[in-house]
Amino acid sequence: MVGAAGRAAAFPLTRALLSARITILMLHRFTDSRARLGFHDVHELRETLELLRRRRFNILSVTDLVRSFEAGGPPKGHTVVFTVDDGYADFAALGAKVFADYDCPVTVFVASGFIDGEYWFWWDRVEFLFRETRRTTVEVRLGGASPTYVLRTPAQRALATQDLVQRLKLVHESEKEALLAALPAQSEVELPRTAPGEYAPMTWDDIRACRTRGASFGPHTVHHPILSQVSDDQVVTEVVGSRDRLIDELGQAGPVFCFPNGDGSSFGARESRVLAENGFQAALSALPDYVPLAPRDWPSLRWALPRFSCPITPGRVLALVTGLQRY
């Protein structure tokens, strides 16, 4: 194991090695309880931002980052960019104040139909149904497979949710929606029309209030489909519709788009072309990597800017943004 002295010696070394890098961080959910797995505890988030400010990291908004590349003069090393996906209410209730308290730019990419209350996210519906069902097993038909999920314990329900969500990410949108439509009857659970509290979206008024605290907002489609799995027309509708809805409510929308799911199979040349034709300047993926500062890399990166999932604890964030994690 590397001792404290070794870590201290490694820090300036890796800081120098990765001085020409930018780290974009991706968050989703926020909590004020350290017990919520997968959520960012706002107390630890506060410690993280305090740590980055104390070490004088350059914290930019994603729009300012893109504008710097467009102008041919990207920022110098050790730049950190914070992004939040989807638009859950817990950002407005908990996360926005922490970012504001540290004058930290953050951009939230919202699925506009979710904000409008048209639906709630399909992975949350799966979790809700598997958690609330009184059945001990549920069989589903997907693709040529018919997995049977055992739901006797909370741990089994969590594993079943994780497995089905991953399977649904790999199928066409129409097949996914058909299974989701049948799942309430199979689970013998009545699904609420609107998202219950823990799954609820921000409102547009929430978003306007967050903007007064310094947060910015960008488009993340209307219905959050995986764009590579929908038709040409639907790609345009999802991309332009989400952007236009933000303009309707806020008077503007940022020049950066955020791909749902965001892995390498979620988008391609077609999606990049639609974005370019509709006036966007860049797009965010969920491909984990640093953003190089070299301007020559910009044309190949602009439609798939990489992001890391933001670690939960301040120490792990620091290890990531300094390069110690990779070192």
Foldseek 3Di string as FASTA:
>chain_A
DQDPVRVVVVLVVLLVVQFQWEAEAEAEAEDCDPPDPRHFNLVQVLVQLVVCVVVPAAADEPLVQLVCLVVVHGDTGRYYYYEYEAFAPRCLVGVLVSCLVSVHEYEYAHQAQQQVQQAFDLLVLLLVLLVPFPDQWFWFQADNDIDIQGRPDPVSSVVVSVVVVVRLLPDAPVRSVVRSVCSCVRRVHDDDSGDPRVRHGHHLVSVVVSVVSPYHYAHAFNRQHLLLRDDLVRLLCRRVVRQVVCCVSPVGHRLEYEYRQFDPSSDDDSNVVSSVVVRHFAYEGAAADIDGNRSVCCVVCRHYPYHYHQDRHSVVNSCVSSVVVVD
